[in-house]
């Protein structure tokens, strides 16, 4: 039985990199997110995405810092430090995945800019468009042409016919079984 007193709440004696301690990575993430939002206020409507990115970046930074301090190879065994390298890889992948929807790498930034430009050029005055449609219909009616939007519902007609045929077959089958 151990005679050592339990460690107090909030201790840091067993902390290695800080990448698994919300007290550490949370503060780093908060500062990263604040810095990003200062530079990119357009991301303010997406706090969850910014927080996910900042958390992954913070954990990756803490793991990189730890490996820089202790080395990738354990001097005592001559072997790679598998656990921190694994978790660094996991954090780096999460960070990369979180960068993309925010446009924080060159490729996704370019894609985001293209999508925003397309959306801006695609803005249409719906009232003006509706008015042009009404004017075109009035012109068709004025010269006696049929309304170009007035066409038979072919899909509806076929669907109705198939359903009616299926219902008729079911009735015929039931009558056949009764006789």
N, C-alpha and C. Protein backbone atom coordinates (compact mmCIF):
# COMPACT_ATOMS: atom_id res chain seq x y z
N UNK A 1 0.84 -1.17 0.00
CA UNK A 1 0.00 0.00 0.00
C UNK A 1 0.89 1.24 0.00
N UNK A 2 0.51 2.22 -0.80
CA UNK A 2 1.31 3.43 -0.93
C UNK A 2 1.00 4.39 0.21
N UNK A 3 2.04 5.02 0.69
CA UNK A 3 1.86 6.01 1.75
C UNK A 3 1.90 7.42 1.21
N UNK A 4 2.11 7.51 -0.10
CA UNK A 4 2.17 8.82 -0.72
C UNK A 4 0.78 9.44 -0.77
N UNK A 5 0.69 10.71 -0.47
CA UNK A 5 -0.59 11.43 -0.48
C UNK A 5 -1.08 11.56 -1.91
N UNK A 6 -2.39 11.56 -2.11
CA UNK A 6 -2.92 11.74 -3.47
C UNK A 6 -2.51 13.11 -4.01
N UNK A 7 -2.35 13.15 -5.33
CA UNK A 7 -1.96 14.41 -5.96
C UNK A 7 -3.12 15.39 -5.91
N UNK A 8 -2.84 16.64 -5.68
CA UNK A 8 -3.92 17.64 -5.61
C UNK A 8 -4.54 17.87 -6.99
N UNK A 9 -5.79 18.27 -6.97
CA UNK A 9 -6.49 18.59 -8.21
C UNK A 9 -5.74 19.73 -8.91
N UNK A 10 -5.56 19.59 -10.21
CA UNK A 10 -4.90 20.64 -10.98
C UNK A 10 -3.39 20.55 -10.99
N UNK A 11 -2.82 19.46 -10.50
CA UNK A 11 -1.36 19.32 -10.48
C UNK A 11 -0.83 19.16 -11.89
N UNK A 12 0.47 19.33 -12.06
CA UNK A 12 1.10 19.17 -13.37
C UNK A 12 2.29 18.22 -13.28
N UNK A 13 2.39 17.45 -12.21
CA UNK A 13 3.56 16.59 -12.01
C UNK A 13 3.70 15.52 -13.08
N UNK A 14 2.59 14.97 -13.55
CA UNK A 14 2.67 13.89 -14.53
C UNK A 14 2.47 14.39 -15.96
N UNK A 15 2.33 15.68 -16.15
CA UNK A 15 2.12 16.23 -17.48
C UNK A 15 3.42 16.13 -18.28
N UNK A 16 3.30 15.62 -19.50
CA UNK A 16 4.49 15.47 -20.34
C UNK A 16 4.51 16.55 -21.42
N UNK A 17 3.58 16.47 -22.37
CA UNK A 17 3.58 17.44 -23.47
C UNK A 17 2.51 18.51 -23.31
N UNK A 18 1.47 18.21 -22.54
CA UNK A 18 0.34 19.13 -22.41
C UNK A 18 -0.70 18.93 -23.49
N UNK A 19 -0.42 18.05 -24.47
CA UNK A 19 -1.34 17.84 -25.59
C UNK A 19 -2.61 17.12 -25.17
N UNK A 20 -2.60 16.49 -24.00
CA UNK A 20 -3.80 15.79 -23.53
C UNK A 20 -4.43 16.52 -22.35
N UNK A 21 -3.92 17.67 -22.01
CA UNK A 21 -4.44 18.44 -20.89
C UNK A 21 -5.26 19.62 -21.39
N UNK A 22 -6.57 19.60 -21.18
CA UNK A 22 -7.40 20.73 -21.64
C UNK A 22 -6.94 22.07 -21.08
N UNK A 23 -6.35 22.06 -19.89
CA UNK A 23 -5.83 23.32 -19.33
C UNK A 23 -4.76 23.91 -20.24
N UNK A 24 -3.97 23.06 -20.85
CA UNK A 24 -2.86 23.53 -21.69
C UNK A 24 -3.33 23.73 -23.12
N UNK A 25 -3.79 22.66 -23.78
CA UNK A 25 -4.14 22.81 -25.19
C UNK A 25 -5.34 23.72 -25.37
N UNK A 26 -6.23 23.78 -24.35
CA UNK A 26 -7.38 24.68 -24.45
C UNK A 26 -6.99 26.14 -24.51
N UNK A 27 -6.01 26.50 -23.69
CA UNK A 27 -5.54 27.90 -23.70
C UNK A 27 -4.81 28.21 -25.01
N UNK A 28 -3.98 27.26 -25.47
CA UNK A 28 -3.29 27.47 -26.75
C UNK A 28 -4.33 27.61 -27.86
N UNK A 29 -5.33 26.74 -27.85
CA UNK A 29 -6.38 26.79 -28.88
C UNK A 29 -7.15 28.11 -28.82
N UNK A 30 -7.45 28.57 -27.61
CA UNK A 30 -8.16 29.85 -27.48
C UNK A 30 -7.37 30.98 -28.12
N UNK A 31 -6.06 30.99 -27.87
CA UNK A 31 -5.23 32.05 -28.45
C UNK A 31 -5.10 31.91 -29.96
N UNK A 32 -4.99 30.68 -30.45
CA UNK A 32 -4.94 30.48 -31.90
C UNK A 32 -6.23 30.95 -32.56
N UNK A 33 -7.37 30.58 -31.96
CA UNK A 33 -8.67 30.97 -32.52
C UNK A 33 -8.82 32.49 -32.52
N UNK A 34 -8.42 33.13 -31.43
CA UNK A 34 -8.53 34.60 -31.36
C UNK A 34 -7.66 35.24 -32.43
N UNK A 35 -6.46 34.73 -32.62
CA UNK A 35 -5.57 35.27 -33.66
C UNK A 35 -6.14 35.08 -35.05
N UNK A 36 -6.72 33.91 -35.29
CA UNK A 36 -7.31 33.65 -36.60
C UNK A 36 -8.49 34.59 -36.85
N UNK A 37 -9.34 34.76 -35.85
CA UNK A 37 -10.51 35.63 -36.03
C UNK A 37 -10.12 37.09 -36.18
N UNK A 38 -8.99 37.50 -35.59
CA UNK A 38 -8.49 38.86 -35.82
C UNK A 38 -8.12 39.04 -37.28
N UNK A 39 -7.49 38.01 -37.87
CA UNK A 39 -7.06 38.09 -39.26
C UNK A 39 -8.18 37.79 -40.24
N UNK A 40 -9.11 36.94 -39.83
CA UNK A 40 -10.19 36.50 -40.71
C UNK A 40 -11.55 36.65 -40.03
N UNK A 41 -12.04 37.87 -39.86
CA UNK A 41 -13.34 38.06 -39.21
C UNK A 41 -14.49 37.39 -39.96
N UNK A 42 -14.28 37.05 -41.22
CA UNK A 42 -15.33 36.36 -41.98
C UNK A 42 -15.62 34.96 -41.43
N UNK A 43 -14.73 34.45 -40.56
CA UNK A 43 -14.92 33.11 -39.99
C UNK A 43 -15.69 33.15 -38.66
N UNK A 44 -16.03 34.35 -38.17
CA UNK A 44 -16.76 34.45 -36.90
C UNK A 44 -18.08 33.68 -36.88
N UNK A 45 -18.80 33.56 -37.99
CA UNK A 45 -20.06 32.79 -37.96
C UNK A 45 -19.85 31.28 -37.79
N UNK A 46 -18.60 30.82 -37.77
CA UNK A 46 -18.31 29.39 -37.70
C UNK A 46 -17.46 29.05 -36.48
N UNK A 47 -17.95 29.34 -35.27
CA UNK A 47 -17.12 29.13 -34.07
C UNK A 47 -16.75 27.68 -33.83
N UNK A 48 -17.63 26.75 -34.18
CA UNK A 48 -17.32 25.34 -33.95
C UNK A 48 -16.18 24.88 -34.85
N UNK A 49 -16.21 25.29 -36.11
CA UNK A 49 -15.15 24.91 -37.05
C UNK A 49 -13.83 25.54 -36.64
N UNK A 50 -13.87 26.79 -36.21
CA UNK A 50 -12.65 27.47 -35.76
C UNK A 50 -12.10 26.78 -34.52
N UNK A 51 -12.98 26.41 -33.58
CA UNK A 51 -12.55 25.74 -32.36
C UNK A 51 -11.94 24.38 -32.66
N UNK A 52 -12.54 23.62 -33.58
CA UNK A 52 -11.99 22.31 -33.94
C UNK A 52 -10.61 22.46 -34.56
N UNK A 53 -10.47 23.44 -35.44
CA UNK A 53 -9.16 23.70 -36.05
C UNK A 53 -8.14 24.09 -34.98
N UNK A 54 -8.52 25.02 -34.12
CA UNK A 54 -7.58 25.53 -33.11
C UNK A 54 -7.16 24.43 -32.14
N UNK A 55 -8.09 23.56 -31.76
CA UNK A 55 -7.75 22.47 -30.84
C UNK A 55 -6.76 21.51 -31.50
N UNK A 56 -7.02 21.12 -32.72
CA UNK A 56 -6.11 20.21 -33.42
C UNK A 56 -4.73 20.85 -33.61
N UNK A 57 -4.71 22.12 -33.99
CA UNK A 57 -3.43 22.82 -34.17
C UNK A 57 -2.68 22.93 -32.85
N UNK A 58 -3.40 23.22 -31.77
CA UNK A 58 -2.76 23.36 -30.45
C UNK A 58 -2.16 22.04 -30.02
N UNK A 59 -2.90 20.95 -30.16
CA UNK A 59 -2.38 19.65 -29.76
C UNK A 59 -1.17 19.26 -30.62
N UNK A 60 -1.25 19.52 -31.90
CA UNK A 60 -0.11 19.21 -32.78
C UNK A 60 1.11 20.05 -32.39
N UNK A 61 0.91 21.32 -32.12
CA UNK A 61 2.03 22.19 -31.74
C UNK A 61 2.67 21.71 -30.44
N UNK A 62 1.86 21.32 -29.47
CA UNK A 62 2.40 20.84 -28.19
C UNK A 62 3.17 19.53 -28.37
N UNK A 63 2.66 18.65 -29.22
CA UNK A 63 3.37 17.39 -29.48
C UNK A 63 4.67 17.63 -30.25
N UNK A 64 4.66 18.54 -31.22
CA UNK A 64 5.90 18.88 -31.94
C UNK A 64 6.92 19.46 -30.98
N UNK A 65 6.46 20.35 -30.11
CA UNK A 65 7.36 20.97 -29.13
C UNK A 65 7.97 19.90 -28.22
N UNK A 66 7.14 18.97 -27.75
CA UNK A 66 7.63 17.90 -26.88
C UNK A 66 8.69 17.06 -27.61
N UNK A 67 8.40 16.67 -28.85
CA UNK A 67 9.36 15.87 -29.60
C UNK A 67 10.64 16.65 -29.90
N UNK A 68 10.51 17.96 -30.10
CA UNK A 68 11.72 18.78 -30.28
C UNK A 68 12.56 18.77 -29.01
N UNK A 69 11.92 18.77 -27.86
CA UNK A 69 12.64 18.77 -26.58
C UNK A 69 13.31 17.44 -26.28
N UNK A 70 12.58 16.33 -26.48
CA UNK A 70 13.10 15.02 -26.07
C UNK A 70 13.72 14.25 -27.22
N UNK A 71 13.45 14.63 -28.45
CA UNK A 71 13.96 13.92 -29.61
C UNK A 71 13.00 12.84 -30.08
N UNK A 72 13.06 12.56 -31.35
CA UNK A 72 12.18 11.55 -31.93
C UNK A 72 12.63 10.15 -31.51
N UNK A 73 13.91 9.99 -31.29
CA UNK A 73 14.48 8.69 -30.88
C UNK A 73 14.73 8.72 -29.38
N UNK A 74 14.28 7.69 -28.71
CA UNK A 74 14.53 7.54 -27.27
C UNK A 74 15.98 7.12 -27.11
N UNK A 75 16.79 7.96 -26.48
CA UNK A 75 18.22 7.67 -26.34
C UNK A 75 18.47 6.42 -25.51
N UNK A 76 17.60 6.11 -24.57
CA UNK A 76 17.80 4.94 -23.71
C UNK A 76 17.60 3.64 -24.48
N UNK A 77 16.67 3.62 -25.42
CA UNK A 77 16.38 2.38 -26.15
C UNK A 77 16.86 2.40 -27.59
N UNK A 78 17.11 3.59 -28.12
CA UNK A 78 17.49 3.70 -29.53
C UNK A 78 16.31 3.53 -30.48
N UNK A 79 15.10 3.47 -29.93
CA UNK A 79 13.88 3.27 -30.72
C UNK A 79 13.12 4.59 -30.88
N UNK A 80 12.33 4.69 -31.96
CA UNK A 80 11.49 5.88 -32.12
C UNK A 80 10.46 5.96 -30.99
N UNK A 81 10.09 7.16 -30.65
CA UNK A 81 9.05 7.37 -29.63
C UNK A 81 7.69 7.20 -30.32
N UNK A 82 7.21 5.96 -30.35
CA UNK A 82 6.03 5.60 -31.15
C UNK A 82 4.77 6.33 -30.72
N UNK A 83 4.51 6.38 -29.42
CA UNK A 83 3.25 7.00 -28.97
C UNK A 83 3.16 8.48 -29.33
N UNK A 84 4.15 9.29 -28.98
CA UNK A 84 4.01 10.71 -29.35
C UNK A 84 4.03 10.93 -30.86
N UNK A 85 4.78 10.10 -31.60
CA UNK A 85 4.77 10.24 -33.06
C UNK A 85 3.40 9.88 -33.63
N UNK A 86 2.80 8.84 -33.10
CA UNK A 86 1.45 8.45 -33.54
C UNK A 86 0.46 9.58 -33.27
N UNK A 87 0.46 10.11 -32.05
CA UNK A 87 -0.51 11.15 -31.69
C UNK A 87 -0.24 12.45 -32.44
N UNK A 88 1.03 12.72 -32.75
CA UNK A 88 1.34 13.89 -33.58
C UNK A 88 0.73 13.71 -34.96
N UNK A 89 0.87 12.52 -35.52
CA UNK A 89 0.30 12.24 -36.84
C UNK A 89 -1.22 12.41 -36.81
N UNK A 90 -1.87 11.90 -35.76
CA UNK A 90 -3.32 12.03 -35.62
C UNK A 90 -3.72 13.51 -35.54
N UNK A 91 -3.00 14.26 -34.70
CA UNK A 91 -3.33 15.69 -34.53
C UNK A 91 -3.08 16.46 -35.83
N UNK A 92 -2.00 16.14 -36.54
CA UNK A 92 -1.71 16.82 -37.80
C UNK A 92 -2.80 16.55 -38.84
N UNK A 93 -3.27 15.31 -38.90
CA UNK A 93 -4.35 14.99 -39.85
C UNK A 93 -5.63 15.73 -39.49
N UNK A 94 -5.95 15.78 -38.18
CA UNK A 94 -7.14 16.52 -37.75
C UNK A 94 -7.01 17.99 -38.10
N UNK A 95 -5.81 18.54 -37.87
CA UNK A 95 -5.59 19.96 -38.17
C UNK A 95 -5.74 20.23 -39.66
N UNK A 96 -5.15 19.36 -40.50
CA UNK A 96 -5.26 19.53 -41.94
C UNK A 96 -6.71 19.46 -42.39
N UNK A 97 -7.44 18.50 -41.85
CA UNK A 97 -8.85 18.35 -42.22
C UNK A 97 -9.66 19.57 -41.78
N UNK A 98 -9.31 20.14 -40.63
CA UNK A 98 -10.03 21.31 -40.12
C UNK A 98 -9.65 22.58 -40.88
N UNK A 99 -8.47 22.63 -41.49
CA UNK A 99 -8.06 23.82 -42.26
C UNK A 99 -8.88 23.98 -43.54
N UNK A 100 -9.21 22.87 -44.15
CA UNK A 100 -9.81 22.92 -45.49
C UNK A 100 -11.12 23.69 -45.56
N UNK A 101 -12.12 23.39 -44.72
CA UNK A 101 -13.37 24.15 -44.87
C UNK A 101 -13.24 25.62 -44.49
N UNK A 102 -12.18 25.95 -43.76
CA UNK A 102 -11.97 27.34 -43.37
C UNK A 102 -11.12 28.10 -44.39
N UNK A 103 -10.60 27.38 -45.39
CA UNK A 103 -9.76 28.02 -46.40
C UNK A 103 -8.41 28.42 -45.85
N UNK A 104 -7.82 27.58 -45.00
CA UNK A 104 -6.56 27.93 -44.35
C UNK A 104 -5.35 27.26 -44.98
N UNK A 105 -5.52 26.67 -46.14
CA UNK A 105 -4.38 26.20 -46.91
C UNK A 105 -4.55 26.74 -48.33
N UNK A 106 -3.49 26.80 -49.11
CA UNK A 106 -3.58 27.46 -50.42
C UNK A 106 -4.67 26.89 -51.34
N UNK A 107 -4.78 25.57 -51.38
CA UNK A 107 -5.74 24.95 -52.29
C UNK A 107 -7.18 25.25 -51.86
N UNK A 108 -7.47 25.06 -50.58
CA UNK A 108 -8.85 25.30 -50.13
C UNK A 108 -9.18 26.79 -50.14
N UNK A 109 -8.19 27.64 -49.92
CA UNK A 109 -8.43 29.09 -50.00
C UNK A 109 -8.83 29.48 -51.42
N UNK A 110 -8.11 28.93 -52.41
CA UNK A 110 -8.44 29.23 -53.80
C UNK A 110 -9.84 28.71 -54.15
N UNK A 111 -10.16 27.51 -53.70
CA UNK A 111 -11.48 26.95 -53.96
C UNK A 111 -12.58 27.79 -53.31
N UNK A 112 -12.35 28.19 -52.08
CA UNK A 112 -13.31 29.01 -51.36
C UNK A 112 -13.52 30.35 -52.07
N UNK A 113 -12.44 30.94 -52.56
CA UNK A 113 -12.55 32.21 -53.28
C UNK A 113 -13.35 32.03 -54.58
N UNK A 114 -13.10 30.90 -55.29
CA UNK A 114 -13.86 30.63 -56.52
C UNK A 114 -15.34 30.46 -56.21
N UNK A 115 -15.65 29.73 -55.14
CA UNK A 115 -17.05 29.49 -54.78
C UNK A 115 -17.74 30.79 -54.38
N UNK A 116 -17.03 31.64 -53.64
CA UNK A 116 -17.62 32.92 -53.24
C UNK A 116 -17.85 33.81 -54.45
N UNK A 117 -16.90 33.82 -55.39
CA UNK A 117 -17.05 34.63 -56.60
C UNK A 117 -18.23 34.14 -57.43
N UNK A 118 -18.37 32.81 -57.53
CA UNK A 118 -19.48 32.24 -58.30
C UNK A 118 -20.81 32.58 -57.63
N UNK A 119 -20.84 32.51 -56.31
CA UNK A 119 -22.07 32.83 -55.58
C UNK A 119 -22.42 34.30 -55.76
N UNK A 120 -21.42 35.18 -55.72
CA UNK A 120 -21.67 36.61 -55.86
C UNK A 120 -22.15 36.93 -57.27
N UNK A 121 -21.59 36.27 -58.28
CA UNK A 121 -22.01 36.56 -59.65
C UNK A 121 -23.35 35.91 -59.97
N UNK A 122 -23.74 34.94 -59.17
CA UNK A 122 -25.00 34.25 -59.40
C UNK A 122 -26.19 34.88 -58.70
N UNK A 123 -25.98 36.00 -58.03
CA UNK A 123 -27.08 36.66 -57.33
C UNK A 123 -28.04 37.23 -58.37
N UNK A 124 -29.31 36.93 -58.20
CA UNK A 124 -30.32 37.32 -59.17
C UNK A 124 -31.41 38.11 -58.44
N UNK A 125 -31.88 39.14 -59.09
CA UNK A 125 -33.03 39.87 -58.56
C UNK A 125 -34.27 39.07 -58.92
N UNK A 126 -34.78 38.33 -57.94
CA UNK A 126 -35.90 37.42 -58.19
C UNK A 126 -37.17 38.16 -58.61
N UNK A 127 -37.39 39.34 -58.05
CA UNK A 127 -38.58 40.11 -58.44
C UNK A 127 -38.50 40.52 -59.90
N UNK A 128 -37.33 40.97 -60.35
CA UNK A 128 -37.17 41.36 -61.75
C UNK A 128 -37.33 40.15 -62.66
N UNK A 129 -36.80 39.00 -62.24
CA UNK A 129 -36.92 37.79 -63.03
C UNK A 129 -38.39 37.36 -63.15
N UNK A 130 -39.11 37.42 -62.05
CA UNK A 130 -40.54 37.06 -62.07
C UNK A 130 -41.32 38.01 -62.98
N UNK A 131 -40.99 39.29 -62.92
CA UNK A 131 -41.68 40.27 -63.76
C UNK A 131 -41.40 40.00 -65.24
N UNK A 132 -40.17 39.64 -65.59
CA UNK A 132 -39.85 39.30 -66.99
C UNK A 132 -40.64 38.07 -67.42
N UNK A 133 -40.79 37.11 -66.53
CA UNK A 133 -41.58 35.92 -66.85
C UNK A 133 -43.04 36.26 -67.10
N UNK A 134 -43.60 37.10 -66.24
CA UNK A 134 -45.00 37.52 -66.44
C UNK A 134 -45.17 38.28 -67.76
N UNK A 135 -44.20 39.12 -68.08
CA UNK A 135 -44.28 39.88 -69.34
C UNK A 135 -44.20 38.95 -70.54
N UNK A 136 -43.34 37.94 -70.47
CA UNK A 136 -43.23 36.98 -71.59
C UNK A 136 -44.52 36.21 -71.76
N UNK A 137 -45.14 35.79 -70.65
CA UNK A 137 -46.42 35.05 -70.74
C UNK A 137 -47.50 35.95 -71.35
N UNK A 138 -47.50 37.21 -70.96
CA UNK A 138 -48.50 38.14 -71.51
C UNK A 138 -48.31 38.31 -73.01
N UNK A 139 -47.05 38.37 -73.48
CA UNK A 139 -46.78 38.49 -74.92
C UNK A 139 -47.27 37.25 -75.67
N UNK A 140 -47.02 36.07 -75.11
CA UNK A 140 -47.50 34.83 -75.74
C UNK A 140 -49.02 34.87 -75.88
N UNK A 141 -49.70 35.25 -74.80
CA UNK A 141 -51.17 35.30 -74.82
C UNK A 141 -51.67 36.34 -75.82
N UNK A 142 -50.96 37.48 -75.91
CA UNK A 142 -51.39 38.58 -76.80
C UNK A 142 -51.37 38.16 -78.26
N UNK A 143 -50.43 37.31 -78.64
CA UNK A 143 -50.36 36.90 -80.06
C UNK A 143 -51.02 35.55 -80.29
N UNK A 144 -51.65 34.99 -79.25
CA UNK A 144 -52.40 33.75 -79.41
C UNK A 144 -51.57 32.48 -79.35
N UNK A 145 -50.35 32.54 -78.86
CA UNK A 145 -49.53 31.33 -78.74
C UNK A 145 -49.80 30.64 -77.41
N UNK A 146 -49.66 29.33 -77.39
CA UNK A 146 -49.87 28.63 -76.12
C UNK A 146 -48.75 28.97 -75.12
N UNK A 147 -49.09 28.94 -73.87
CA UNK A 147 -48.12 29.21 -72.80
C UNK A 147 -47.02 28.15 -72.85
N UNK A 148 -45.73 28.57 -72.99
CA UNK A 148 -44.65 27.58 -73.10
C UNK A 148 -44.45 26.76 -71.82
N UNK A 149 -44.97 27.25 -70.71
CA UNK A 149 -44.83 26.48 -69.47
C UNK A 149 -46.01 25.55 -69.25
N UNK A 150 -47.01 25.65 -70.12
CA UNK A 150 -48.20 24.81 -69.98
C UNK A 150 -47.99 23.56 -70.82
N UNK A 151 -47.40 22.55 -70.22
CA UNK A 151 -47.16 21.30 -70.94
C UNK A 151 -47.70 20.14 -70.10
N UNK A 152 -48.02 19.06 -70.77
CA UNK A 152 -48.59 17.93 -70.02
C UNK A 152 -47.57 17.38 -69.02
N UNK A 153 -48.10 16.89 -67.94
CA UNK A 153 -47.27 16.26 -66.91
C UNK A 153 -47.07 14.81 -67.31
N UNK A 154 -46.12 14.58 -68.20
CA UNK A 154 -45.90 13.24 -68.74
C UNK A 154 -45.53 12.27 -67.62
N UNK A 155 -44.63 12.70 -66.74
CA UNK A 155 -44.20 11.82 -65.65
C UNK A 155 -45.40 11.44 -64.78
N UNK A 156 -46.23 12.43 -64.47
CA UNK A 156 -47.41 12.16 -63.66
C UNK A 156 -48.39 11.23 -64.36
N UNK A 157 -48.56 11.42 -65.68
CA UNK A 157 -49.47 10.57 -66.44
C UNK A 157 -48.98 9.13 -66.45
N UNK A 158 -47.69 8.92 -66.68
CA UNK A 158 -47.14 7.57 -66.71
C UNK A 158 -47.25 6.92 -65.34
N UNK A 159 -46.91 7.67 -64.30
CA UNK A 159 -47.00 7.14 -62.95
C UNK A 159 -48.44 6.74 -62.61
N UNK A 160 -49.38 7.59 -62.97
CA UNK A 160 -50.80 7.29 -62.72
C UNK A 160 -51.22 6.02 -63.47
N UNK A 161 -50.81 5.88 -64.72
CA UNK A 161 -51.17 4.72 -65.52
C UNK A 161 -50.58 3.44 -64.93
N UNK A 162 -49.33 3.48 -64.51
CA UNK A 162 -48.69 2.30 -63.92
C UNK A 162 -49.39 1.90 -62.63
N UNK A 163 -49.71 2.89 -61.80
CA UNK A 163 -50.41 2.58 -60.55
C UNK A 163 -51.80 2.00 -60.81
N UNK A 164 -52.51 2.56 -61.79
CA UNK A 164 -53.85 2.07 -62.12
C UNK A 164 -53.76 0.65 -62.66
N UNK A 165 -52.76 0.37 -63.50
CA UNK A 165 -52.58 -0.97 -64.05
C UNK A 165 -52.27 -1.96 -62.94
N UNK A 166 -51.40 -1.57 -62.00
CA UNK A 166 -51.04 -2.45 -60.88
C UNK A 166 -52.27 -2.73 -60.02
N UNK A 167 -53.07 -1.71 -59.77
CA UNK A 167 -54.29 -1.90 -58.95
C UNK A 167 -55.26 -2.83 -59.66
N UNK A 168 -55.40 -2.69 -60.98
CA UNK A 168 -56.30 -3.55 -61.75
C UNK A 168 -55.82 -5.00 -61.70
N UNK A 169 -54.52 -5.20 -61.79
CA UNK A 169 -53.97 -6.56 -61.71
C UNK A 169 -54.22 -7.17 -60.34
N UNK A 170 -54.07 -6.38 -59.30
CA UNK A 170 -54.32 -6.89 -57.94
C UNK A 170 -55.78 -7.33 -57.80
N UNK A 171 -56.69 -6.53 -58.33
CA UNK A 171 -58.11 -6.87 -58.26
C UNK A 171 -58.37 -8.15 -59.06
N UNK A 172 -57.78 -8.25 -60.23
CA UNK A 172 -57.97 -9.44 -61.07
C UNK A 172 -57.43 -10.68 -60.36
N UNK A 173 -56.26 -10.55 -59.73
CA UNK A 173 -55.69 -11.69 -59.00
C UNK A 173 -56.58 -12.10 -57.84
N UNK A 174 -57.13 -11.15 -57.13
CA UNK A 174 -58.01 -11.47 -56.00
C UNK A 174 -59.28 -12.17 -56.48
N UNK A 175 -59.85 -11.69 -57.59
CA UNK A 175 -61.05 -12.32 -58.14
C UNK A 175 -60.76 -13.73 -58.61
N UNK A 176 -59.59 -13.92 -59.22
CA UNK A 176 -59.20 -15.23 -59.70
C UNK A 176 -59.08 -16.21 -58.55
N UNK A 177 -58.52 -15.77 -57.42
CA UNK A 177 -58.36 -16.64 -56.25
C UNK A 177 -59.71 -16.94 -55.58
N UNK A 178 -60.65 -16.03 -55.71
CA UNK A 178 -61.96 -16.23 -55.10
C UNK A 178 -62.79 -17.25 -55.91
N UNK A 179 -62.58 -17.29 -57.19
CA UNK A 179 -63.38 -18.18 -58.05
C UNK A 179 -62.77 -19.51 -58.09
